[in-house]
Every structure is written in structure tokens, then in C-alpha cells.
Amino acid sequence: MLNSLFLFLHDWWQDNLVSPVLQLLSFVLLAGLLVAILAHGQDEIEGWGSFTSKVPSREELKKERSNQEKIYQELNQLKTGFDRLCRPCPWDWTFFQAKCYFFSKSQRDWHESITACQEEGAQLVTVESAEEQSFLQQTSKSKGSAWMGLSDLNKESEWRWVDGSPLSLSLTQFWNKGQPNNYKGQDCVEFRDDGWNDAKCDLKRFWICKKPAASCSSE
């Protein structure tokens, strides 16, 4: 029965793209149910001598232990199956439109932020659409200014992303009013308030990393 339940949950998780948090919650609830079953079985064994005059036979005890061992085995099997479930993003990353995003909890300068993202197999975030811009701006706004992977370090006023691609004209609408102004050598770009702002690259800011989400098979 437990095997059938696991297969049902596995197919349901995959077909409905349930978030990793809900997957974990489902596993914890099911594990709790199995533990309760085990505890109930143990209480029955211990309670036989207290509430009845019948002493359980060796065969009855053997059967009960066998049932408990079977439940433990199925619980371990369930855990193994859960570990194999596809997580499109690491636990502390955020999924959005087939990409994974990491919003830092500490601050670094622009160059250090690039390194931090590379160490995670990602890059300092690039913006490719208005939808992505809205998601990033709103998510990062509550924390404060955050670095993105845009600068004009190679050539003044020629804005390029960390992957070498130029800033498209359609995205220039996201500059804050009066920006970019290159005030005192501001060459790196941050999310600030409701738009983009150029700032000195050695300032400490939060940062955002981006990488492709894992492909989850429907098998």
C-alpha cells in the first residue's frame, strides 16, 4: 500500500510541478504518519500485558516485529525516492520562468559579487525582459540596493552585461530619472528603489545571481 502511495505522490509532484517546499512538507507529513503507525503497533505490544491476561505468543511478537521492519523499509524507500525528486533550483534559490535566482543576505562590491556567483555556477544577474525586471526589482527592493551584471567599465557609456552582450534599447526605460550620470566614475549598475542606478563599483551592495533551472523529466 505504501509503495502505491509513494508512486501516486511521485507522479502528482512531477505532473503538477509542486514546489520543493511543498514536496518536503508532503514527505514530512507522510513520514509522521508512518512513525505514528509504528508507535501504535509498539503500544499494542506493550499494552497486551497491562490490559489483558493474555501474554502474546512468540509467533505474534515475531509477526509484529516483521510488520514494523516492513514499514521501516518502506519508509526508507520513500525517503530514497524523495531524494531523487527533481528540484529545479537549490533550496535557497528562487525559481522564475525557467531560471534560478539567488538573492544574497550579505553585501560585497561589484567584482566580488561576480566571483560569488561564479562559485555557485552562476553569473551576476542579467535582465532579458520587462517581466524579469519587474520580478527582480520587486524581490530585491525590500532588502536594499543590489548589484546586477551590467557596467560600462570597458568603454564609457557603452553598457554591457557580464556575458558580453550589449544593453538593448528596450531595457533603457528602467533607468531611474537622471540616470546613468557617471557621477565621480560610476561604472556599475544596481537595482535601486524602482529602477536602475549607476554606482561606484567598490561600494558594498547585495547581489543577485542567475543560472538555468534544472530540467525535470516527467518520467
Protein backbone atom coordinates (compact mmCIF):
# COMPACT_ATOMS: atom_id res chain seq x y z
CA MET A 1 0.00 0.00 0.00
CA LEU A 2 2.80 2.41 0.89
CA ASN A 3 4.53 1.70 -2.41
CA SER A 4 1.34 2.63 -4.27
CA LEU A 5 1.02 5.79 -2.20
CA PHE A 6 4.60 6.78 -2.97
CA LEU A 7 4.13 6.22 -6.71
CA PHE A 8 0.95 8.33 -6.62
CA LEU A 9 2.72 11.18 -4.81
CA HIS A 10 5.73 11.00 -7.13
CA ASP A 11 3.55 11.26 -10.27
CA TRP A 12 1.46 14.03 -8.73
CA TRP A 13 4.54 16.05 -7.73
CA GLN A 14 6.04 15.73 -11.20
CA ASP A 15 2.82 16.42 -13.16
CA ASN A 16 1.89 19.45 -11.09
CA LEU A 17 5.39 20.91 -10.68
CA VAL A 18 4.89 21.19 -6.92
CA SER A 19 7.43 23.49 -5.27
CA PRO A 20 10.31 21.90 -3.31
CA VAL A 21 8.86 23.29 -0.07
CA LEU A 22 5.52 21.53 -0.64
CA GLN A 23 7.36 18.35 -1.65
CA LEU A 24 9.27 18.43 1.63
CA LEU A 25 6.09 19.13 3.61
CA SER A 26 4.33 16.18 1.96
CA PHE A 27 7.24 13.92 2.80
CA VAL A 28 7.34 15.07 6.43
CA LEU A 29 3.60 14.52 6.85
CA LEU A 30 3.77 11.04 5.34
CA ALA A 31 6.81 10.16 7.42
CA GLY A 32 4.95 11.33 10.51
CA LEU A 33 2.05 9.06 9.61
CA LEU A 34 4.36 6.06 9.30
CA VAL A 35 6.02 6.84 12.62
CA ALA A 36 2.58 7.07 14.24
CA ILE A 37 1.72 3.64 12.83
CA LEU A 38 4.92 2.24 14.28
CA ALA A 39 4.27 3.83 17.66
CA HIS A 40 0.73 2.48 17.68
CA GLY A 41 1.97 -1.01 16.95
CA GLN A 42 4.54 -0.78 19.74
CA ASP A 43 1.90 0.46 22.19
CA GLU A 44 -0.25 -2.53 21.36
CA ILE A 45 2.58 -4.91 22.20
CA GLU A 46 3.37 -3.15 25.47
CA GLY A 47 -0.31 -2.87 26.36
CA TRP A 48 -1.15 -6.53 25.97
CA GLY A 49 0.25 -7.41 29.38
CA SER A 50 -1.42 -4.45 31.11
CA PHE A 51 -4.97 -4.64 29.79
CA THR A 52 -5.43 -8.35 29.13
CA SER A 53 -4.44 -11.52 30.83
CA LYS A 54 -3.20 -12.92 27.54
CA VAL A 55 0.55 -12.92 27.02
CA PRO A 56 1.45 -12.51 23.32
CA SER A 57 2.87 -15.64 21.84
CA ARG A 58 6.27 -15.84 20.22
CA GLU A 59 4.62 -16.05 16.81
CA GLU A 60 2.54 -12.93 17.47
CA LEU A 61 5.61 -10.97 18.58
CA LYS A 62 7.54 -12.21 15.56
CA LYS A 63 4.73 -11.16 13.24
CA GLU A 64 4.52 -7.71 14.83
CA ARG A 65 8.27 -7.16 14.52
CA SER A 66 8.11 -8.27 10.89
CA ASN A 67 5.36 -5.73 10.21
CA GLN A 68 7.40 -2.97 11.83
CA GLU A 69 10.51 -3.89 9.85
CA LYS A 70 8.46 -3.78 6.65
CA ILE A 71 7.19 -0.29 7.49
CA TYR A 72 10.74 0.88 8.24
CA GLN A 73 11.92 -0.48 4.89
CA GLU A 74 9.11 1.27 3.04
CA LEU A 75 9.85 4.49 4.91
CA ASN A 76 13.49 4.29 3.80
CA GLN A 77 12.34 3.55 0.26
CA LEU A 78 10.08 6.59 0.38
CA LYS A 79 12.96 8.77 1.58
CA THR A 80 15.20 7.47 -1.21
CA GLY A 81 12.51 8.23 -3.76
CA PHE A 82 12.01 11.70 -2.34
CA ASP A 83 15.74 12.41 -2.58
CA ARG A 84 15.54 11.60 -6.30
CA LEU A 85 12.70 14.04 -6.94
CA CYS A 86 13.71 16.84 -9.24
CA ARG A 87 14.35 20.23 -7.66
CA PRO A 88 14.68 22.85 -10.42
CA CYS A 89 16.62 25.15 -8.07
CA PRO A 90 18.72 24.72 -4.91
CA TRP A 91 16.76 25.16 -1.67
CA ASP A 92 17.85 28.76 -1.03
CA TRP A 93 17.30 29.91 -4.62
CA THR A 94 14.11 31.29 -6.21
CA PHE A 95 12.55 29.85 -9.37
CA PHE A 96 11.15 32.19 -12.04
CA GLN A 97 10.50 31.47 -15.73
CA ALA A 98 12.90 28.52 -16.05
CA LYS A 99 15.72 30.33 -14.22
CA CYS A 100 17.06 30.17 -10.67
CA TYR A 101 17.92 33.33 -8.73
CA PHE A 102 19.94 33.79 -5.57
CA PHE A 103 19.32 36.95 -3.52
CA SER A 104 22.28 37.45 -1.20
CA LYS A 105 21.94 38.14 2.51
CA SER A 106 25.31 39.90 2.78
CA GLN A 107 27.00 42.67 0.80
CA ARG A 108 30.04 42.77 -1.48
CA ASP A 109 31.45 45.09 -4.11
CA TRP A 110 30.61 44.53 -7.78
CA HIS A 111 33.69 42.46 -8.67
CA GLU A 112 33.37 40.31 -5.54
CA SER A 113 29.71 39.72 -6.41
CA ILE A 114 30.72 38.37 -9.82
CA THR A 115 33.10 35.94 -8.12
CA ALA A 116 30.45 34.87 -5.60
CA CYS A 117 28.05 33.98 -8.42
CA GLN A 118 30.72 32.12 -10.40
CA GLU A 119 31.46 29.99 -7.34
CA GLU A 120 27.82 28.87 -7.48
CA GLY A 121 27.98 28.02 -11.18
CA ALA A 122 26.00 31.15 -12.00
CA GLN A 123 26.57 34.73 -13.15
CA LEU A 124 25.73 38.13 -11.76
CA VAL A 125 22.17 38.62 -12.95
CA THR A 126 21.35 39.85 -16.44
CA VAL A 127 17.92 41.22 -17.38
CA GLU A 128 16.30 39.93 -20.56
CA SER A 129 12.69 41.11 -20.36
CA ALA A 130 10.29 43.51 -18.67
CA GLU A 131 8.74 40.60 -16.74
CA GLU A 132 12.11 39.54 -15.38
CA GLN A 133 12.96 43.14 -14.50
CA SER A 134 9.72 43.52 -12.53
CA PHE A 135 10.35 40.27 -10.65
CA LEU A 136 13.93 41.24 -9.76
CA GLN A 137 13.12 44.82 -8.81
CA GLN A 138 10.23 43.90 -6.53
CA THR A 139 12.02 40.97 -4.90
CA SER A 140 15.21 42.91 -4.16
CA LYS A 141 13.55 46.21 -3.21
CA SER A 142 12.72 45.19 0.37
CA LYS A 143 16.41 44.49 1.14
CA GLY A 144 18.05 47.48 -0.47
CA SER A 145 20.28 48.18 -3.45
CA ALA A 146 21.59 45.07 -5.24
CA TRP A 147 24.17 44.61 -7.97
CA MET A 148 23.26 43.38 -11.44
CA GLY A 149 25.73 42.24 -14.09
CA LEU A 150 25.77 45.48 -16.10
CA SER A 151 28.61 48.02 -16.43
CA ASP A 152 30.43 50.39 -18.79
CA LEU A 153 33.89 49.55 -17.42
CA ASN A 154 35.34 48.72 -20.84
CA LYS A 155 34.11 51.86 -22.59
CA GLU A 156 32.33 54.84 -21.08
CA SER A 157 28.56 54.93 -21.80
CA GLU A 158 28.73 51.58 -23.63
CA TRP A 159 26.72 49.39 -21.28
CA ARG A 160 27.35 45.66 -21.46
CA TRP A 161 26.28 42.66 -19.44
CA VAL A 162 28.81 40.33 -17.81
CA ASP A 163 28.29 37.85 -20.66
CA GLY A 164 29.49 40.50 -23.13
CA SER A 165 26.11 41.28 -24.69
CA PRO A 166 25.10 44.95 -25.08
CA LEU A 167 22.22 46.55 -23.23
CA SER A 168 19.20 46.51 -25.54
CA LEU A 169 17.36 49.75 -26.22
CA SER A 170 14.08 48.31 -24.90
CA LEU A 171 15.57 47.95 -21.41
CA THR A 172 16.89 51.51 -21.10
CA GLN A 173 13.44 52.55 -19.85
CA PHE A 174 14.34 51.07 -16.47
CA TRP A 175 16.96 53.69 -15.60
CA ASN A 176 15.89 55.90 -12.72
CA LYS A 177 15.29 59.55 -13.59
CA GLY A 178 18.58 61.30 -14.34
CA GLN A 179 20.47 58.01 -14.62
CA PRO A 180 23.02 56.97 -15.64
CA ASN A 181 25.01 60.08 -14.76
CA ASN A 182 28.55 58.68 -14.28
CA TYR A 183 28.93 60.82 -11.16
CA LYS A 184 32.54 60.52 -9.92
CA GLY A 185 33.29 57.45 -12.02
CA GLN A 186 30.15 55.38 -11.52
CA ASP A 187 30.52 52.41 -13.87
CA CYS A 188 28.49 49.56 -12.31
CA VAL A 189 24.72 49.21 -12.14
CA GLU A 190 22.47 48.40 -9.19
CA PHE A 191 18.77 47.83 -8.61
CA ARG A 192 17.76 50.82 -6.51
CA ASP A 193 14.28 51.94 -5.45
CA ASP A 194 12.09 51.45 -8.54
CA GLY A 195 14.75 51.27 -11.25
CA TRP A 196 18.43 51.17 -12.16
CA ASN A 197 21.22 53.39 -10.91
CA ASP A 198 24.90 53.59 -11.83
CA ALA A 199 27.22 53.48 -8.82
CA LYS A 200 30.90 53.15 -7.95
CA CYS A 201 31.93 49.53 -8.34
CA ASP A 202 33.74 49.35 -4.99
CA LEU A 203 30.59 50.04 -2.95
CA LYS A 204 29.17 47.22 -0.86
CA ARG A 205 25.78 46.06 -2.08
CA PHE A 206 23.63 42.96 -2.01
CA TRP A 207 23.89 40.93 -5.20
CA ILE A 208 21.73 38.62 -7.32
CA CYS A 209 22.96 35.50 -9.12
CA LYS A 210 21.22 33.76 -12.01
CA LYS A 211 21.52 30.35 -13.65
CA PRO A 212 19.29 28.00 -15.69
CA ALA A 213 16.89 25.81 -13.74
CA ALA A 214 17.36 22.04 -13.82
CA SER A 215 15.27 20.16 -16.37
CA CYS A 216 12.72 17.92 -14.64
CA SER A 217 11.76 14.79 -16.56
CA SER A 218 8.10 13.77 -16.50
CA GLU A 219 9.03 10.08 -16.34
